[in-house]
Amino acid sequence: MSKILYFSRNPNPRLAVAVARYLQAPVSLEFASTFAPAHEAKFKALNPTQLLPILVEDGHSLWEADAIACRLSMMVGSNFWRMDAETPEMIRWISWAKANFVWACDIVHFEFGTKQRYGFGPVEHDKVKEGEALFHKAARILDDHLKNREWLMDSGISYADFRMATFLPFNDVAGLPLADYPNLSRWNDGLMRLPGWADPFEGLQAPELHPVPKR
């Protein structure tokens, strides 16, 4: 049965690859440039947005990182994506992350990272301030929750931890003050010790992201 996970090095595709490698899922990992003229028709048929990641199983495509993480967990019979009484709690953290902590990190990373990599215009410092304010608000909540906890859920690591940390591997560019939040920093350090998370692209054919000019 053919299973291919198409990815790039950007944050959400990175997240999907990290899940696949952490779970040792039986999928082929293939770098893709979905907007390249030669590939555009193929990937538009797989995902109308043409965005990565995309998981293809025997011609059927699944897109969006969270859905792919769920499928990969099912594929290997893992409770990484909770399928029990803890499912609502895990989804609570995924939902909160995307609307708060991840969103804040995304705003700042977009200005200092994405826009500068791809020439989308100068940094909008009012947007950076907005993102930083949201980051501090969310980080305080997250830091408090992680006090005396190794992972977001008491039962152990889950996909919610990976989703929450989507942009933290890119913080060398965003420069958000993780050190101001010791429990959050400790949790992030724990993630960085996990196989598949620190460098999910190890051994893969995957061109590096364009460098970001120094500030």
N, C-alpha and C. Protein backbone atom coordinates (compact mmCIF):
# COMPACT_ATOMS: atom_id res chain seq x y z
N MET A 1 0.85 -1.19 0.00
CA MET A 1 0.00 0.00 0.00
C MET A 1 0.89 1.24 0.00
N SER A 2 0.74 2.11 -0.99
CA SER A 2 1.58 3.29 -1.15
C SER A 2 1.14 4.40 -0.19
N LYS A 3 2.10 4.90 0.57
CA LYS A 3 1.84 6.01 1.50
C LYS A 3 2.97 7.02 1.36
N ILE A 4 2.64 8.23 0.96
CA ILE A 4 3.65 9.27 0.75
C ILE A 4 3.24 10.52 1.53
N LEU A 5 4.17 11.04 2.31
CA LEU A 5 3.97 12.31 2.99
C LEU A 5 4.83 13.36 2.29
N TYR A 6 4.17 14.29 1.61
CA TYR A 6 4.86 15.38 0.94
C TYR A 6 5.08 16.52 1.93
N PHE A 7 6.27 17.10 1.90
CA PHE A 7 6.62 18.09 2.93
C PHE A 7 7.55 19.15 2.37
N SER A 8 7.73 20.19 3.15
CA SER A 8 8.81 21.16 2.96
C SER A 8 9.39 21.42 4.34
N ARG A 9 10.31 22.36 4.44
CA ARG A 9 10.92 22.67 5.74
C ARG A 9 10.16 23.73 6.52
N ASN A 10 9.05 24.20 6.01
CA ASN A 10 8.28 25.23 6.71
C ASN A 10 7.59 24.63 7.95
N PRO A 11 7.07 25.48 8.84
CA PRO A 11 6.62 25.00 10.16
C PRO A 11 5.60 23.87 10.17
N ASN A 12 4.49 24.00 9.46
CA ASN A 12 3.48 22.94 9.52
C ASN A 12 3.93 21.65 8.84
N PRO A 13 4.57 21.71 7.68
CA PRO A 13 5.12 20.47 7.12
C PRO A 13 6.17 19.84 8.03
N ARG A 14 7.00 20.68 8.67
CA ARG A 14 7.98 20.16 9.62
C ARG A 14 7.28 19.40 10.74
N LEU A 15 6.19 19.96 11.23
CA LEU A 15 5.42 19.31 12.28
C LEU A 15 4.97 17.92 11.85
N ALA A 16 4.44 17.80 10.65
CA ALA A 16 3.97 16.50 10.16
C ALA A 16 5.10 15.50 10.02
N VAL A 17 6.25 15.95 9.51
CA VAL A 17 7.39 15.06 9.38
C VAL A 17 7.88 14.61 10.75
N ALA A 18 7.90 15.54 11.72
CA ALA A 18 8.33 15.18 13.07
C ALA A 18 7.43 14.11 13.67
N VAL A 19 6.12 14.23 13.45
CA VAL A 19 5.18 13.21 13.94
C VAL A 19 5.48 11.87 13.27
N ALA A 20 5.65 11.89 11.95
CA ALA A 20 5.92 10.65 11.23
C ALA A 20 7.18 9.96 11.73
N ARG A 21 8.22 10.74 11.98
CA ARG A 21 9.48 10.15 12.41
C ARG A 21 9.42 9.73 13.88
N TYR A 22 8.75 10.51 14.70
CA TYR A 22 8.60 10.13 16.12
C TYR A 22 7.84 8.81 16.24
N LEU A 23 6.79 8.66 15.43
CA LEU A 23 5.97 7.46 15.48
C LEU A 23 6.54 6.31 14.64
N GLN A 24 7.60 6.62 13.87
CA GLN A 24 8.15 5.64 12.93
C GLN A 24 7.05 5.09 12.01
N ALA A 25 6.26 6.01 11.51
CA ALA A 25 5.14 5.64 10.64
C ALA A 25 5.66 5.11 9.30
N PRO A 26 4.98 4.13 8.73
CA PRO A 26 5.43 3.52 7.47
C PRO A 26 5.03 4.35 6.26
N VAL A 27 5.63 5.52 6.13
CA VAL A 27 5.34 6.40 5.00
C VAL A 27 6.65 6.82 4.34
N SER A 28 6.60 7.06 3.05
CA SER A 28 7.73 7.65 2.34
C SER A 28 7.65 9.16 2.51
N LEU A 29 8.78 9.78 2.80
CA LEU A 29 8.84 11.22 3.00
C LEU A 29 9.46 11.86 1.77
N GLU A 30 8.70 12.70 1.09
CA GLU A 30 9.15 13.30 -0.16
C GLU A 30 9.02 14.81 -0.12
N PHE A 31 10.13 15.49 -0.33
CA PHE A 31 10.12 16.94 -0.43
C PHE A 31 9.36 17.36 -1.68
N ALA A 32 8.58 18.43 -1.57
CA ALA A 32 7.77 18.88 -2.70
C ALA A 32 7.78 20.41 -2.81
N SER A 33 7.76 20.88 -4.04
CA SER A 33 7.57 22.31 -4.34
C SER A 33 6.24 22.42 -5.07
N THR A 34 5.19 22.61 -4.31
CA THR A 34 3.84 22.48 -4.87
C THR A 34 3.45 23.60 -5.82
N PHE A 35 4.13 24.74 -5.73
CA PHE A 35 3.79 25.86 -6.60
C PHE A 35 4.72 25.97 -7.81
N ALA A 36 5.67 25.05 -7.92
CA ALA A 36 6.51 25.03 -9.12
C ALA A 36 5.63 24.71 -10.33
N PRO A 37 5.78 25.44 -11.43
CA PRO A 37 4.89 25.24 -12.58
C PRO A 37 4.76 23.80 -13.03
N ALA A 38 5.84 23.04 -12.96
CA ALA A 38 5.80 21.66 -13.43
C ALA A 38 4.98 20.75 -12.52
N HIS A 39 4.78 21.17 -11.27
CA HIS A 39 4.11 20.33 -10.28
C HIS A 39 2.75 20.88 -9.85
N GLU A 40 2.42 22.06 -10.30
CA GLU A 40 1.23 22.75 -9.80
C GLU A 40 -0.05 21.95 -10.01
N ALA A 41 -0.26 21.39 -11.19
CA ALA A 41 -1.50 20.65 -11.47
C ALA A 41 -1.62 19.42 -10.58
N LYS A 42 -0.50 18.71 -10.41
CA LYS A 42 -0.50 17.51 -9.57
C LYS A 42 -0.93 17.83 -8.14
N PHE A 43 -0.34 18.85 -7.54
CA PHE A 43 -0.60 19.12 -6.14
C PHE A 43 -1.91 19.86 -5.91
N LYS A 44 -2.35 20.61 -6.91
CA LYS A 44 -3.67 21.23 -6.78
C LYS A 44 -4.76 20.18 -6.77
N ALA A 45 -4.54 19.07 -7.46
CA ALA A 45 -5.50 17.97 -7.44
C ALA A 45 -5.51 17.25 -6.09
N LEU A 46 -4.36 17.27 -5.41
CA LEU A 46 -4.25 16.62 -4.10
C LEU A 46 -4.74 17.52 -2.97
N ASN A 47 -4.55 18.83 -3.13
CA ASN A 47 -4.96 19.80 -2.11
C ASN A 47 -5.29 21.10 -2.82
N PRO A 48 -6.53 21.56 -2.80
CA PRO A 48 -6.88 22.77 -3.55
C PRO A 48 -6.12 24.01 -3.11
N THR A 49 -5.57 24.00 -1.88
CA THR A 49 -4.77 25.14 -1.43
C THR A 49 -3.32 25.05 -1.90
N GLN A 50 -2.91 23.84 -2.32
CA GLN A 50 -1.54 23.53 -2.73
C GLN A 50 -0.54 23.64 -1.58
N LEU A 51 -1.04 23.74 -0.36
CA LEU A 51 -0.14 23.87 0.79
C LEU A 51 0.23 22.50 1.33
N LEU A 52 1.40 22.44 1.92
CA LEU A 52 1.91 21.23 2.55
C LEU A 52 1.70 21.31 4.07
N PRO A 53 1.62 20.14 4.73
CA PRO A 53 1.87 18.79 4.26
C PRO A 53 0.65 18.17 3.58
N ILE A 54 0.93 17.13 2.80
CA ILE A 54 -0.12 16.32 2.16
C ILE A 54 0.27 14.86 2.33
N LEU A 55 -0.67 14.07 2.82
CA LEU A 55 -0.47 12.62 2.94
C LEU A 55 -1.30 11.94 1.87
N VAL A 56 -0.67 11.09 1.08
CA VAL A 56 -1.37 10.38 0.01
C VAL A 56 -1.27 8.88 0.28
N GLU A 57 -2.43 8.25 0.34
CA GLU A 57 -2.50 6.79 0.52
C GLU A 57 -3.30 6.21 -0.63
N ASP A 58 -2.62 5.48 -1.50
CA ASP A 58 -3.28 4.84 -2.64
C ASP A 58 -4.19 5.78 -3.40
N GLY A 59 -3.68 6.98 -3.67
CA GLY A 59 -4.42 7.95 -4.47
C GLY A 59 -5.34 8.86 -3.69
N HIS A 60 -5.60 8.53 -2.42
CA HIS A 60 -6.46 9.38 -1.60
C HIS A 60 -5.58 10.36 -0.82
N SER A 61 -5.91 11.65 -0.89
CA SER A 61 -5.07 12.65 -0.22
C SER A 61 -5.73 13.18 1.04
N LEU A 62 -4.89 13.47 2.02
CA LEU A 62 -5.31 14.08 3.28
C LEU A 62 -4.39 15.24 3.53
N TRP A 63 -4.96 16.41 3.79
CA TRP A 63 -4.13 17.58 4.05
C TRP A 63 -4.55 18.23 5.36
N GLU A 64 -3.68 19.11 5.84
CA GLU A 64 -3.70 19.75 7.16
C GLU A 64 -2.94 18.88 8.17
N ALA A 65 -1.99 19.52 8.84
CA ALA A 65 -1.06 18.80 9.73
C ALA A 65 -1.78 18.04 10.84
N ASP A 66 -2.81 18.64 11.43
CA ASP A 66 -3.49 17.96 12.55
C ASP A 66 -4.18 16.69 12.08
N ALA A 67 -4.85 16.76 10.95
CA ALA A 67 -5.52 15.58 10.40
C ALA A 67 -4.50 14.50 10.06
N ILE A 68 -3.37 14.91 9.52
CA ILE A 68 -2.32 13.95 9.17
C ILE A 68 -1.75 13.30 10.42
N ALA A 69 -1.54 14.09 11.48
CA ALA A 69 -1.04 13.53 12.73
C ALA A 69 -2.00 12.49 13.29
N CYS A 70 -3.28 12.77 13.20
CA CYS A 70 -4.30 11.81 13.64
C CYS A 70 -4.20 10.52 12.84
N ARG A 71 -4.10 10.65 11.54
CA ARG A 71 -4.03 9.48 10.67
C ARG A 71 -2.76 8.67 10.92
N LEU A 72 -1.62 9.34 11.09
CA LEU A 72 -0.37 8.64 11.34
C LEU A 72 -0.44 7.85 12.65
N SER A 73 -1.05 8.44 13.67
CA SER A 73 -1.21 7.74 14.95
C SER A 73 -2.08 6.51 14.78
N MET A 74 -3.18 6.65 14.04
CA MET A 74 -4.04 5.51 13.76
C MET A 74 -3.28 4.43 12.99
N MET A 75 -2.47 4.86 12.07
CA MET A 75 -1.73 3.94 11.20
C MET A 75 -0.84 2.99 12.01
N VAL A 76 -0.24 3.52 13.07
CA VAL A 76 0.70 2.70 13.86
C VAL A 76 0.08 2.21 15.17
N GLY A 77 -1.19 2.53 15.40
CA GLY A 77 -1.84 2.09 16.63
C GLY A 77 -1.31 2.78 17.87
N SER A 78 -0.95 4.06 17.74
CA SER A 78 -0.38 4.82 18.85
C SER A 78 -1.44 5.70 19.51
N ASN A 79 -1.27 5.92 20.80
CA ASN A 79 -2.14 6.85 21.52
C ASN A 79 -1.53 8.25 21.58
N PHE A 80 -0.54 8.50 20.72
CA PHE A 80 0.03 9.84 20.61
C PHE A 80 -1.08 10.84 20.32
N TRP A 81 -1.96 10.48 19.38
CA TRP A 81 -3.23 11.20 19.22
C TRP A 81 -4.24 10.43 20.04
N ARG A 82 -4.64 11.00 21.16
CA ARG A 82 -5.49 10.28 22.10
C ARG A 82 -6.79 9.82 21.44
N MET A 83 -7.15 8.58 21.71
CA MET A 83 -8.38 7.99 21.18
C MET A 83 -9.18 7.40 22.33
N ASP A 84 -9.21 8.12 23.44
CA ASP A 84 -9.85 7.57 24.63
C ASP A 84 -10.49 8.71 25.41
N ALA A 85 -10.67 8.54 26.71
CA ALA A 85 -11.34 9.55 27.52
C ALA A 85 -10.58 10.87 27.56
N GLU A 86 -9.29 10.84 27.21
CA GLU A 86 -8.48 12.06 27.24
C GLU A 86 -8.55 12.86 25.93
N THR A 87 -9.26 12.36 24.94
CA THR A 87 -9.34 13.05 23.66
C THR A 87 -9.79 14.51 23.80
N PRO A 88 -10.85 14.79 24.57
CA PRO A 88 -11.28 16.20 24.68
C PRO A 88 -10.19 17.10 25.26
N GLU A 89 -9.43 16.60 26.25
CA GLU A 89 -8.38 17.43 26.84
C GLU A 89 -7.28 17.72 25.83
N MET A 90 -6.89 16.70 25.06
CA MET A 90 -5.87 16.90 24.04
C MET A 90 -6.35 17.91 23.00
N ILE A 91 -7.59 17.77 22.56
CA ILE A 91 -8.12 18.70 21.56
C ILE A 91 -8.22 20.11 22.13
N ARG A 92 -8.54 20.20 23.43
CA ARG A 92 -8.56 21.52 24.06
C ARG A 92 -7.22 22.22 23.90
N TRP A 93 -6.11 21.49 24.15
CA TRP A 93 -4.80 22.11 24.05
C TRP A 93 -4.42 22.41 22.60
N ILE A 94 -4.80 21.55 21.68
CA ILE A 94 -4.53 21.82 20.27
C ILE A 94 -5.27 23.08 19.83
N SER A 95 -6.54 23.17 20.19
CA SER A 95 -7.36 24.32 19.82
C SER A 95 -6.82 25.60 20.44
N TRP A 96 -6.51 25.55 21.74
CA TRP A 96 -5.98 26.74 22.43
C TRP A 96 -4.64 27.15 21.83
N ALA A 97 -3.80 26.17 21.53
CA ALA A 97 -2.49 26.47 20.96
C ALA A 97 -2.62 27.26 19.66
N LYS A 98 -3.46 26.76 18.76
CA LYS A 98 -3.56 27.38 17.45
C LYS A 98 -4.14 28.78 17.52
N ALA A 99 -5.00 29.02 18.49
CA ALA A 99 -5.64 30.33 18.60
C ALA A 99 -4.86 31.30 19.48
N ASN A 100 -3.85 30.80 20.19
CA ASN A 100 -3.15 31.65 21.15
C ASN A 100 -1.63 31.54 21.02
N PHE A 101 -1.02 30.52 21.62
CA PHE A 101 0.44 30.44 21.65
C PHE A 101 1.03 30.30 20.25
N VAL A 102 0.53 29.34 19.47
CA VAL A 102 1.06 29.13 18.11
C VAL A 102 0.80 30.35 17.24
N TRP A 103 -0.38 30.94 17.39
CA TRP A 103 -0.73 32.12 16.60
C TRP A 103 0.22 33.27 16.91
N ALA A 104 0.53 33.48 18.18
CA ALA A 104 1.44 34.55 18.57
C ALA A 104 2.82 34.32 17.96
N CYS A 105 3.33 33.09 18.07
CA CYS A 105 4.64 32.77 17.48
C CYS A 105 4.62 32.95 15.97
N ASP A 106 3.52 32.59 15.36
CA ASP A 106 3.38 32.71 13.90
C ASP A 106 3.46 34.17 13.46
N ILE A 107 2.79 35.05 14.18
CA ILE A 107 2.80 36.47 13.81
C ILE A 107 4.22 37.01 13.79
N VAL A 108 4.99 36.71 14.83
CA VAL A 108 6.35 37.24 14.93
C VAL A 108 7.26 36.55 13.91
N HIS A 109 7.13 35.24 13.78
CA HIS A 109 7.97 34.52 12.82
C HIS A 109 7.68 34.97 11.39
N PHE A 110 6.42 35.26 11.09
CA PHE A 110 6.07 35.70 9.73
C PHE A 110 6.82 36.99 9.39
N GLU A 111 6.89 37.91 10.34
CA GLU A 111 7.56 39.19 10.06
C GLU A 111 9.07 39.03 9.93
N PHE A 112 9.69 38.30 10.87
CA PHE A 112 11.15 38.19 10.89
C PHE A 112 11.67 37.05 10.02
N GLY A 113 10.81 36.05 9.77
CA GLY A 113 11.25 34.88 9.03
C GLY A 113 10.68 34.81 7.63
N THR A 114 9.40 34.47 7.52
CA THR A 114 8.78 34.21 6.22
C THR A 114 8.91 35.39 5.27
N LYS A 115 8.56 36.58 5.73
CA LYS A 115 8.59 37.74 4.84
C LYS A 115 10.00 38.03 4.35
N GLN A 116 10.99 37.84 5.22
CA GLN A 116 12.36 38.16 4.83
C GLN A 116 12.95 37.06 3.95
N ARG A 117 12.54 35.81 4.18
CA ARG A 117 13.03 34.72 3.34
C ARG A 117 12.57 34.86 1.90
N TYR A 118 11.30 35.25 1.75
CA TYR A 118 10.69 35.20 0.42
C TYR A 118 10.42 36.59 -0.18
N GLY A 119 10.97 37.62 0.45
CA GLY A 119 10.86 38.96 -0.11
C GLY A 119 9.45 39.50 -0.13
N PHE A 120 8.70 39.26 0.96
CA PHE A 120 7.30 39.72 1.04
C PHE A 120 7.18 41.14 1.59
N GLY A 121 8.28 41.83 1.76
CA GLY A 121 8.21 43.20 2.25
C GLY A 121 8.93 43.37 3.56
N PRO A 122 9.04 44.61 4.02
CA PRO A 122 9.77 44.90 5.27
C PRO A 122 9.01 44.42 6.50
N VAL A 123 9.74 44.30 7.58
CA VAL A 123 9.13 43.95 8.87
C VAL A 123 8.16 45.05 9.29
N GLU A 124 6.94 44.63 9.65
CA GLU A 124 5.96 45.57 10.20
C GLU A 124 6.04 45.47 11.72
N HIS A 125 6.68 46.46 12.32
CA HIS A 125 6.99 46.37 13.74
C HIS A 125 5.75 46.45 14.62
N ASP A 126 4.68 47.05 14.12
CA ASP A 126 3.44 47.03 14.89
C ASP A 126 2.88 45.62 14.99
N LYS A 127 3.07 44.84 13.93
CA LYS A 127 2.64 43.44 13.95
C LYS A 127 3.51 42.64 14.93
N VAL A 128 4.81 42.93 14.93
CA VAL A 128 5.71 42.26 15.87
C VAL A 128 5.28 42.54 17.30
N LYS A 129 4.97 43.78 17.60
CA LYS A 129 4.54 44.13 18.96
C LYS A 129 3.24 43.42 19.33
N GLU A 130 2.33 43.33 18.37
CA GLU A 130 1.08 42.61 18.59
C GLU A 130 1.36 41.14 18.91
N GLY A 131 2.22 40.53 18.11
CA GLY A 131 2.56 39.13 18.33
C GLY A 131 3.27 38.91 19.65
N GLU A 132 4.17 39.79 19.99
CA GLU A 132 4.90 39.67 21.26
C GLU A 132 3.97 39.79 22.46
N ALA A 133 3.01 40.70 22.37
CA ALA A 133 2.04 40.86 23.47
C ALA A 133 1.21 39.59 23.63
N LEU A 134 0.77 39.03 22.51
CA LEU A 134 0.00 37.78 22.55
C LEU A 134 0.86 36.64 23.06
N PHE A 135 2.13 36.63 22.67
CA PHE A 135 3.04 35.60 23.15
C PHE A 135 3.15 35.62 24.67
N HIS A 136 3.39 36.79 25.23
CA HIS A 136 3.55 36.88 26.70
C HIS A 136 2.27 36.46 27.42
N LYS A 137 1.14 36.85 26.89
CA LYS A 137 -0.14 36.48 27.50
C LYS A 137 -0.31 34.96 27.50
N ALA A 138 -0.03 34.33 26.36
CA ALA A 138 -0.18 32.87 26.25
C ALA A 138 0.93 32.15 27.01
N ALA A 139 2.15 32.66 26.95
CA ALA A 139 3.28 32.00 27.60
C ALA A 139 3.10 31.95 29.11
N ARG A 140 2.51 32.99 29.69
CA ARG A 140 2.25 32.98 31.14
C ARG A 140 1.31 31.84 31.51
N ILE A 141 0.27 31.65 30.70
CA ILE A 141 -0.69 30.56 30.96
C ILE A 141 0.00 29.21 30.79
N LEU A 142 0.75 29.07 29.71
CA LEU A 142 1.43 27.81 29.43
C LEU A 142 2.48 27.50 30.49
N ASP A 143 3.25 28.50 30.89
CA ASP A 143 4.29 28.31 31.89
C ASP A 143 3.68 27.86 33.22
N ASP A 144 2.58 28.46 33.59
CA ASP A 144 1.90 28.08 34.83
C ASP A 144 1.38 26.65 34.75
N HIS A 145 0.82 26.29 33.61
CA HIS A 145 0.28 24.94 33.47
C HIS A 145 1.39 23.90 33.54
N LEU A 146 2.58 24.22 33.01
CA LEU A 146 3.67 23.25 32.93
C LEU A 146 4.46 23.13 34.23
N LYS A 147 4.10 23.91 35.23
CA LYS A 147 4.77 23.79 36.52
C LYS A 147 4.53 22.39 37.07
N ASN A 148 5.62 21.70 37.39
CA ASN A 148 5.56 20.33 37.93
C ASN A 148 4.98 19.33 36.93
N ARG A 149 4.98 19.68 35.63
CA ARG A 149 4.55 18.75 34.59
C ARG A 149 5.65 18.63 33.54
N GLU A 150 5.84 17.41 33.05
CA GLU A 150 6.80 17.22 31.97
C GLU A 150 6.17 17.56 30.62
N TRP A 151 4.88 17.21 30.46
CA TRP A 151 4.16 17.42 29.22
C TRP A 151 2.83 18.08 29.50
N LEU A 152 2.13 18.48 28.47
CA LEU A 152 0.87 19.20 28.65
C LEU A 152 -0.17 18.35 29.38
N MET A 153 -0.19 17.06 29.09
CA MET A 153 -1.16 16.17 29.70
C MET A 153 -0.48 15.31 30.76
N ASP A 154 -1.15 15.10 31.87
CA ASP A 154 -0.56 14.35 32.97
C ASP A 154 -0.18 12.93 32.58
N SER A 155 -0.88 12.35 31.61
CA SER A 155 -0.64 10.97 31.22
C SER A 155 0.60 10.80 30.34
N GLY A 156 1.18 11.89 29.88
CA GLY A 156 2.39 11.80 29.06
C GLY A 156 2.29 12.59 27.77
N ILE A 157 3.32 12.46 26.99
CA ILE A 157 3.41 13.23 25.75
C ILE A 157 2.26 12.89 24.81
N SER A 158 1.81 13.90 24.08
CA SER A 158 0.75 13.71 23.09
C SER A 158 1.03 14.65 21.92
N TYR A 159 0.20 14.53 20.91
CA TYR A 159 0.34 15.43 19.77
C TYR A 159 0.17 16.88 20.17
N ALA A 160 -0.56 17.14 21.24
CA ALA A 160 -0.74 18.52 21.69
C ALA A 160 0.59 19.19 21.98
N ASP A 161 1.56 18.45 22.51
CA ASP A 161 2.88 19.02 22.78
C ASP A 161 3.56 19.43 21.47
N PHE A 162 3.49 18.57 20.47
CA PHE A 162 4.11 18.90 19.18
C PHE A 162 3.42 20.10 18.55
N ARG A 163 2.09 20.13 18.57
CA ARG A 163 1.37 21.24 17.96
C ARG A 163 1.70 22.56 18.68
N MET A 164 1.75 22.52 20.00
CA MET A 164 2.04 23.73 20.76
C MET A 164 3.41 24.30 20.37
N ALA A 165 4.35 23.42 20.09
CA ALA A 165 5.73 23.83 19.83
C ALA A 165 6.03 24.06 18.35
N THR A 166 5.02 24.15 17.51
CA THR A 166 5.21 24.22 16.06
C THR A 166 6.30 25.20 15.64
N PHE A 167 6.30 26.39 16.22
CA PHE A 167 7.22 27.45 15.76
C PHE A 167 8.48 27.56 16.60
N LEU A 168 8.59 26.80 17.68
CA LEU A 168 9.75 26.98 18.56
C LEU A 168 11.07 26.56 17.91
N PRO A 169 11.09 25.56 17.01
CA PRO A 169 12.35 25.29 16.32
C PRO A 169 12.83 26.42 15.41
N PHE A 170 11.97 27.39 15.16
CA PHE A 170 12.30 28.54 14.33
C PHE A 170 12.55 29.80 15.16
N ASN A 171 12.70 29.63 16.47
CA ASN A 171 12.81 30.81 17.33
C ASN A 171 14.16 31.49 17.22
N ASP A 172 15.13 30.85 16.57
CA ASP A 172 16.38 31.56 16.31
C ASP A 172 16.14 32.76 15.41
N VAL A 173 15.07 32.70 14.61
CA VAL A 173 14.70 33.81 13.74
C VAL A 173 13.72 34.75 14.44
N ALA A 174 12.71 34.19 15.10
CA ALA A 174 11.68 35.02 15.74
C ALA A 174 12.22 35.74 16.97
N GLY A 175 13.08 35.09 17.73
CA GLY A 175 13.70 35.74 18.89
C GLY A 175 12.76 36.00 20.05
N LEU A 176 11.76 35.16 20.23
CA LEU A 176 10.85 35.33 21.36
C LEU A 176 11.54 34.90 22.65
N PRO A 177 11.28 35.59 23.77
CA PRO A 177 12.03 35.38 25.01
C PRO A 177 11.58 34.15 25.80
N LEU A 178 11.87 32.97 25.31
CA LEU A 178 11.49 31.75 26.01
C LEU A 178 12.11 31.67 27.40
N ALA A 179 13.31 32.22 27.54
CA ALA A 179 14.02 32.13 28.82
C ALA A 179 13.27 32.85 29.95
N ASP A 180 12.35 33.74 29.60
CA ASP A 180 11.55 34.42 30.63
C ASP A 180 10.56 33.47 31.29
N TYR A 181 10.39 32.29 30.71
CA TYR A 181 9.38 31.34 31.19
C TYR A 181 10.05 30.00 31.43
N PRO A 182 10.55 29.76 32.65
CA PRO A 182 11.39 28.59 32.92
C PRO A 182 10.69 27.24 32.71
N ASN A 183 9.42 27.14 33.03
CA ASN A 183 8.72 25.87 32.83
C ASN A 183 8.51 25.59 31.35
N LEU A 184 8.17 26.63 30.62
CA LEU A 184 8.02 26.51 29.17
C LEU A 184 9.35 26.12 28.53
N SER A 185 10.43 26.75 28.98
CA SER A 185 11.75 26.46 28.44
C SER A 185 12.17 25.02 28.73
N ARG A 186 11.89 24.57 29.95
CA ARG A 186 12.22 23.19 30.32
C ARG A 186 11.44 22.20 29.44
N TRP A 187 10.17 22.48 29.24
CA TRP A 187 9.33 21.64 28.38
C TRP A 187 9.87 21.61 26.95
N ASN A 188 10.25 22.76 26.44
CA ASN A 188 10.80 22.84 25.08
C ASN A 188 12.12 22.07 24.99
N ASP A 189 12.95 22.16 26.02
CA ASP A 189 14.20 21.41 26.03
C ASP A 189 13.92 19.91 25.99
N GLY A 190 12.86 19.48 26.68
CA GLY A 190 12.48 18.07 26.65
C GLY A 190 12.09 17.62 25.26
N LEU A 191 11.36 18.46 24.56
CA LEU A 191 10.99 18.15 23.18
C LEU A 191 12.23 18.03 22.30
N MET A 192 13.18 18.91 22.50
CA MET A 192 14.38 18.92 21.66
C MET A 192 15.28 17.71 21.90
N ARG A 193 15.01 16.96 22.96
CA ARG A 193 15.76 15.73 23.19
C ARG A 193 15.09 14.51 22.55
N LEU A 194 13.91 14.70 21.98
CA LEU A 194 13.17 13.58 21.41
C LEU A 194 13.66 13.24 20.00
N PRO A 195 13.83 11.94 19.72
CA PRO A 195 14.17 11.56 18.34
C PRO A 195 13.08 12.04 17.38
N GLY A 196 13.49 12.62 16.31
CA GLY A 196 12.53 13.06 15.30
C GLY A 196 12.08 14.49 15.44
N TRP A 197 12.20 15.08 16.62
CA TRP A 197 11.74 16.46 16.78
C TRP A 197 12.86 17.46 16.52
N ALA A 198 14.03 17.24 17.10
CA ALA A 198 15.11 18.22 16.97
C ALA A 198 15.53 18.39 15.51
N ASP A 199 15.61 17.28 14.76
CA ASP A 199 15.97 17.37 13.34
C ASP A 199 15.19 16.31 12.58
N PRO A 200 13.92 16.59 12.27
CA PRO A 200 13.11 15.59 11.57
C PRO A 200 13.55 15.34 10.14
N PHE A 201 14.42 16.21 9.60
CA PHE A 201 14.84 16.07 8.21
C PHE A 201 16.16 15.30 8.06
N GLU A 202 16.67 14.77 9.16
CA GLU A 202 17.95 14.06 9.10
C GLU A 202 17.88 12.92 8.07
N GLY A 203 18.83 12.93 7.16
CA GLY A 203 18.91 11.88 6.16
C GLY A 203 17.97 12.03 4.98
N LEU A 204 17.16 13.09 4.97
CA LEU A 204 16.21 13.29 3.88
C LEU A 204 16.77 14.27 2.84
N GLN A 205 16.30 14.12 1.60
CA GLN A 205 16.61 15.09 0.56
C GLN A 205 15.65 16.26 0.72
N ALA A 206 16.14 17.33 1.32
CA ALA A 206 15.27 18.47 1.63
C ALA A 206 16.10 19.75 1.63
N PRO A 207 16.00 20.55 0.58
CA PRO A 207 16.79 21.79 0.52
C PRO A 207 16.53 22.67 1.74
N GLU A 208 17.57 23.33 2.20
CA GLU A 208 17.44 24.24 3.34
C GLU A 208 16.55 25.42 2.96
N LEU A 209 15.89 26.00 3.96
CA LEU A 209 15.15 27.23 3.76
C LEU A 209 16.10 28.35 3.34
N HIS A 210 15.58 29.32 2.62
CA HIS A 210 16.38 30.48 2.28
C HIS A 210 16.85 31.17 3.57
N PRO A 211 18.09 31.63 3.59
CA PRO A 211 18.58 32.31 4.80
C PRO A 211 17.83 33.62 5.04
N VAL A 212 17.77 33.99 6.30
CA VAL A 212 17.15 35.26 6.68
C VAL A 212 18.25 36.27 6.95
N PRO A 213 18.17 37.46 6.32
CA PRO A 213 19.20 38.47 6.60
C PRO A 213 19.25 38.82 8.08
N LYS A 214 20.43 39.10 8.58
CA LYS A 214 20.57 39.51 9.97
C LYS A 214 19.86 40.82 10.22
N ARG A 215 19.26 40.94 11.40
CA ARG A 215 18.53 42.18 11.71
C ARG A 215 19.49 43.35 11.85
